[in-house]
Amino acid sequence: MALIEVFLGAIIKVIFDKLASVDLKKFARSEGLDTRLKRWSQVLSLIQAVLDDAEDKQNMRIAVKQWLDDLQDLAYDMDDVIDEFSTEACRRKLMEAQGSTNDRCRTCAIIITKKS
């Protein structure tokens, strides 16, 4: 297997793992992006199938190599966007947790004030 195919296979696995994140799926649903993420998953499956086929054939002509380079660029771009989505999902989860903590603190303060 050519080095680029190994690398692409590895990055595709990382992207699949990110797409499987419960927080990312929740965020995607809340933002109406779940259909797009499902489509990306399908595209990644096709890319993986092509890589597997290229490995079998071991025929790396210049055009095929250029195409694989383009697929690598696409995989990087998808990874960047998914990272942004994941970061936003985590940020929102932290904000929700912080909000519920603040609400509990306010409730405790009210109870303590009433007892005084």
C-alpha atoms as a PDB file:
ATOM      1  CA  MET A   1       0.000   0.000   0.000  1.00  0.00           C
ATOM      2  CA  ALA A   2       1.353   3.413  -0.922  1.00  0.00           C
ATOM      3  CA  LEU A   3       2.077   5.833   1.885  1.00  0.00           C
ATOM      4  CA  ILE A   4      -0.683   8.235   0.847  1.00  0.00           C
ATOM      5  CA  GLU A   5      -3.245   5.424   0.949  1.00  0.00           C
ATOM      6  CA  VAL A   6      -2.150   4.452   4.462  1.00  0.00           C
ATOM      7  CA  PHE A   7      -2.386   8.062   5.588  1.00  0.00           C
ATOM      8  CA  LEU A   8      -5.787   8.609   3.976  1.00  0.00           C
ATOM      9  CA  GLY A   9      -7.098   5.403   5.510  1.00  0.00           C
ATOM     10  CA  ALA A  10      -5.967   6.583   8.938  1.00  0.00           C
ATOM     11  CA  ILE A  11      -7.497  10.048   8.643  1.00  0.00           C
ATOM     12  CA  ILE A  12     -10.766   8.581   7.360  1.00  0.00           C
ATOM     13  CA  LYS A  13     -10.923   6.342  10.440  1.00  0.00           C
ATOM     14  CA  VAL A  14     -10.367   9.387  12.671  1.00  0.00           C
ATOM     15  CA  ILE A  15     -13.164  11.251  10.866  1.00  0.00           C
ATOM     16  CA  PHE A  16     -15.512   8.259  11.208  1.00  0.00           C
ATOM     17  CA  ASP A  17     -14.761   8.180  14.944  1.00  0.00           C
ATOM     18  CA  LYS A  18     -15.563  11.898  15.221  1.00  0.00           C
ATOM     19  CA  LEU A  19     -18.792  11.455  13.267  1.00  0.00           C
ATOM     20  CA  ALA A  20     -19.832   8.763  15.768  1.00  0.00           C
ATOM     21  CA  SER A  21     -19.598  11.219  18.697  1.00  0.00           C
ATOM     22  CA  VAL A  22     -22.870  11.483  20.610  1.00  0.00           C
ATOM     23  CA  ASP A  23     -22.264  15.182  21.318  1.00  0.00           C
ATOM     24  CA  LEU A  24     -21.576  15.895  17.644  1.00  0.00           C
ATOM     25  CA  LYS A  25     -24.744  14.047  16.596  1.00  0.00           C
ATOM     26  CA  LYS A  26     -26.786  16.001  19.163  1.00  0.00           C
ATOM     27  CA  PHE A  27     -25.286  19.282  17.962  1.00  0.00           C
ATOM     28  CA  ALA A  28     -25.883  18.361  14.305  1.00  0.00           C
ATOM     29  CA  ARG A  29     -29.540  17.580  15.007  1.00  0.00           C
ATOM     30  CA  SER A  30     -30.041  20.843  16.891  1.00  0.00           C
ATOM     31  CA  GLU A  31     -28.492  22.807  14.020  1.00  0.00           C
ATOM     32  CA  GLY A  32     -30.209  20.855  11.236  1.00  0.00           C
ATOM     33  CA  LEU A  33     -26.892  19.412  10.018  1.00  0.00           C
ATOM     34  CA  ASP A  34     -27.566  15.727  10.641  1.00  0.00           C
ATOM     35  CA  THR A  35     -28.428  15.046   6.981  1.00  0.00           C
ATOM     36  CA  ARG A  36     -25.182  16.688   5.865  1.00  0.00           C
ATOM     37  CA  LEU A  37     -23.126  14.652   8.340  1.00  0.00           C
ATOM     38  CA  LYS A  38     -24.802  11.450   7.134  1.00  0.00           C
ATOM     39  CA  ARG A  39     -23.921  12.407   3.557  1.00  0.00           C
ATOM     40  CA  TRP A  40     -20.321  13.032   4.567  1.00  0.00           C
ATOM     41  CA  SER A  41     -20.234   9.603   6.156  1.00  0.00           C
ATOM     42  CA  GLN A  42     -21.427   8.116   2.862  1.00  0.00           C
ATOM     43  CA  VAL A  43     -18.769  10.058   0.933  1.00  0.00           C
ATOM     44  CA  LEU A  44     -16.098   8.817   3.335  1.00  0.00           C
ATOM     45  CA  SER A  45     -17.293   5.252   2.802  1.00  0.00           C
ATOM     46  CA  LEU A  46     -16.920   5.720  -0.939  1.00  0.00           C
ATOM     47  CA  ILE A  47     -13.451   7.205  -0.493  1.00  0.00           C
ATOM     48  CA  GLN A  48     -12.481   4.225   1.659  1.00  0.00           C
ATOM     49  CA  ALA A  49     -13.776   1.823  -0.995  1.00  0.00           C
ATOM     50  CA  VAL A  50     -11.711   3.590  -3.653  1.00  0.00           C
ATOM     51  CA  LEU A  51      -8.631   3.420  -1.450  1.00  0.00           C
ATOM     52  CA  ASP A  52      -9.171  -0.283  -0.912  1.00  0.00           C
ATOM     53  CA  ASP A  53      -9.517  -0.750  -4.674  1.00  0.00           C
ATOM     54  CA  ALA A  54      -6.359   1.285  -5.341  1.00  0.00           C
ATOM     55  CA  GLU A  55      -4.509  -0.859  -2.843  1.00  0.00           C
ATOM     56  CA  ASP A  56      -5.617  -3.983  -4.687  1.00  0.00           C
ATOM     57  CA  LYS A  57      -4.544  -2.655  -8.056  1.00  0.00           C
ATOM     58  CA  GLN A  58      -1.353  -0.903  -6.890  1.00  0.00           C
ATOM     59  CA  ASN A  59      -1.585   1.173 -10.027  1.00  0.00           C
ATOM     60  CA  MET A  60      -0.484   4.665  -9.105  1.00  0.00           C
ATOM     61  CA  ARG A  61      -0.495   6.527 -12.391  1.00  0.00           C
ATOM     62  CA  ILE A  62      -0.031  10.261 -12.258  1.00  0.00           C
ATOM     63  CA  ALA A  63      -3.761  10.949 -12.676  1.00  0.00           C
ATOM     64  CA  VAL A  64      -4.678   8.496  -9.922  1.00  0.00           C
ATOM     65  CA  LYS A  65      -2.049   9.984  -7.614  1.00  0.00           C
ATOM     66  CA  GLN A  66      -3.399  13.492  -8.261  1.00  0.00           C
ATOM     67  CA  TRP A  67      -6.916  12.290  -7.586  1.00  0.00           C
ATOM     68  CA  LEU A  68      -5.817  10.682  -4.326  1.00  0.00           C
ATOM     69  CA  ASP A  69      -4.095  13.943  -3.373  1.00  0.00           C
ATOM     70  CA  ASP A  70      -7.396  15.744  -3.990  1.00  0.00           C
ATOM     71  CA  LEU A  71      -9.209  13.173  -1.839  1.00  0.00           C
ATOM     72  CA  GLN A  72      -6.671  13.787   0.904  1.00  0.00           C
ATOM     73  CA  ASP A  73      -7.363  17.532   0.708  1.00  0.00           C
ATOM     74  CA  LEU A  74     -11.097  16.835   0.939  1.00  0.00           C
ATOM     75  CA  ALA A  75     -10.573  14.581   3.942  1.00  0.00           C
ATOM     76  CA  TYR A  76      -8.555  17.350   5.661  1.00  0.00           C
ATOM     77  CA  ASP A  77     -11.280  19.900   4.931  1.00  0.00           C
ATOM     78  CA  MET A  78     -13.972  17.582   6.275  1.00  0.00           C
ATOM     79  CA  ASP A  79     -11.888  16.918   9.372  1.00  0.00           C
ATOM     80  CA  ASP A  80     -11.502  20.674   9.968  1.00  0.00           C
ATOM     81  CA  VAL A  81     -15.249  21.294   9.679  1.00  0.00           C
ATOM     82  CA  ILE A  82     -16.073  18.363  11.950  1.00  0.00           C
ATOM     83  CA  ASP A  83     -13.531  19.657  14.479  1.00  0.00           C
ATOM     84  CA  GLU A  84     -15.302  23.029  14.424  1.00  0.00           C
ATOM     85  CA  PHE A  85     -18.671  21.320  14.958  1.00  0.00           C
ATOM     86  CA  SER A  86     -17.245  19.203  17.788  1.00  0.00           C
ATOM     87  CA  THR A  87     -15.734  22.257  19.449  1.00  0.00           C
ATOM     88  CA  GLU A  88     -19.031  24.111  19.253  1.00  0.00           C
ATOM     89  CA  ALA A  89     -20.913  21.083  20.615  1.00  0.00           C
ATOM     90  CA  CYS A  90     -18.505  20.883  23.577  1.00  0.00           C
ATOM     91  CA  ARG A  91     -18.744  24.623  24.166  1.00  0.00           C
ATOM     92  CA  ARG A  92     -22.529  24.448  24.277  1.00  0.00           C
ATOM     93  CA  LYS A  93     -22.449  21.447  26.584  1.00  0.00           C
ATOM     94  CA  LEU A  94     -20.146  23.325  28.972  1.00  0.00           C
ATOM     95  CA  MET A  95     -22.354  26.422  28.809  1.00  0.00           C
ATOM     96  CA  GLU A  96     -25.418  24.292  29.656  1.00  0.00           C
ATOM     97  CA  ALA A  97     -23.576  22.700  32.572  1.00  0.00           C
ATOM     98  CA  GLN A  98     -22.386  26.098  33.780  1.00  0.00           C
ATOM     99  CA  GLY A  99     -25.915  27.482  33.499  1.00  0.00           C
ATOM    100  CA  SER A 100     -27.402  24.681  35.580  1.00  0.00           C
ATOM    101  CA  THR A 101     -24.664  25.183  38.209  1.00  0.00           C
ATOM    102  CA  ASN A 102     -25.432  28.909  38.359  1.00  0.00           C
ATOM    103  CA  ASP A 103     -29.157  28.137  38.761  1.00  0.00           C
ATOM    104  CA  ARG A 104     -28.398  25.807  41.687  1.00  0.00           C
ATOM    105  CA  CYS A 105     -26.190  28.443  43.310  1.00  0.00           C
ATOM    106  CA  ARG A 106     -28.949  31.070  42.986  1.00  0.00           C
ATOM    107  CA  THR A 107     -31.476  28.653  44.515  1.00  0.00           C
ATOM    108  CA  CYS A 108     -29.139  27.931  47.434  1.00  0.00           C
ATOM    109  CA  ALA A 109     -28.539  31.651  47.963  1.00  0.00           C
ATOM    110  CA  ILE A 110     -32.292  32.316  48.051  1.00  0.00           C
ATOM    111  CA  ILE A 111     -32.870  29.508  50.569  1.00  0.00           C
ATOM    112  CA  ILE A 112     -30.023  30.708  52.787  1.00  0.00           C
ATOM    113  CA  THR A 113     -31.245  34.303  52.597  1.00  0.00           C
ATOM    114  CA  LYS A 114     -34.798  33.268  53.573  1.00  0.00           C
ATOM    115  CA  LYS A 115     -33.501  31.293  56.571  1.00  0.00           C
ATOM    116  CA  SER A 116     -31.474  34.267  57.839  1.00  0.00           C
END
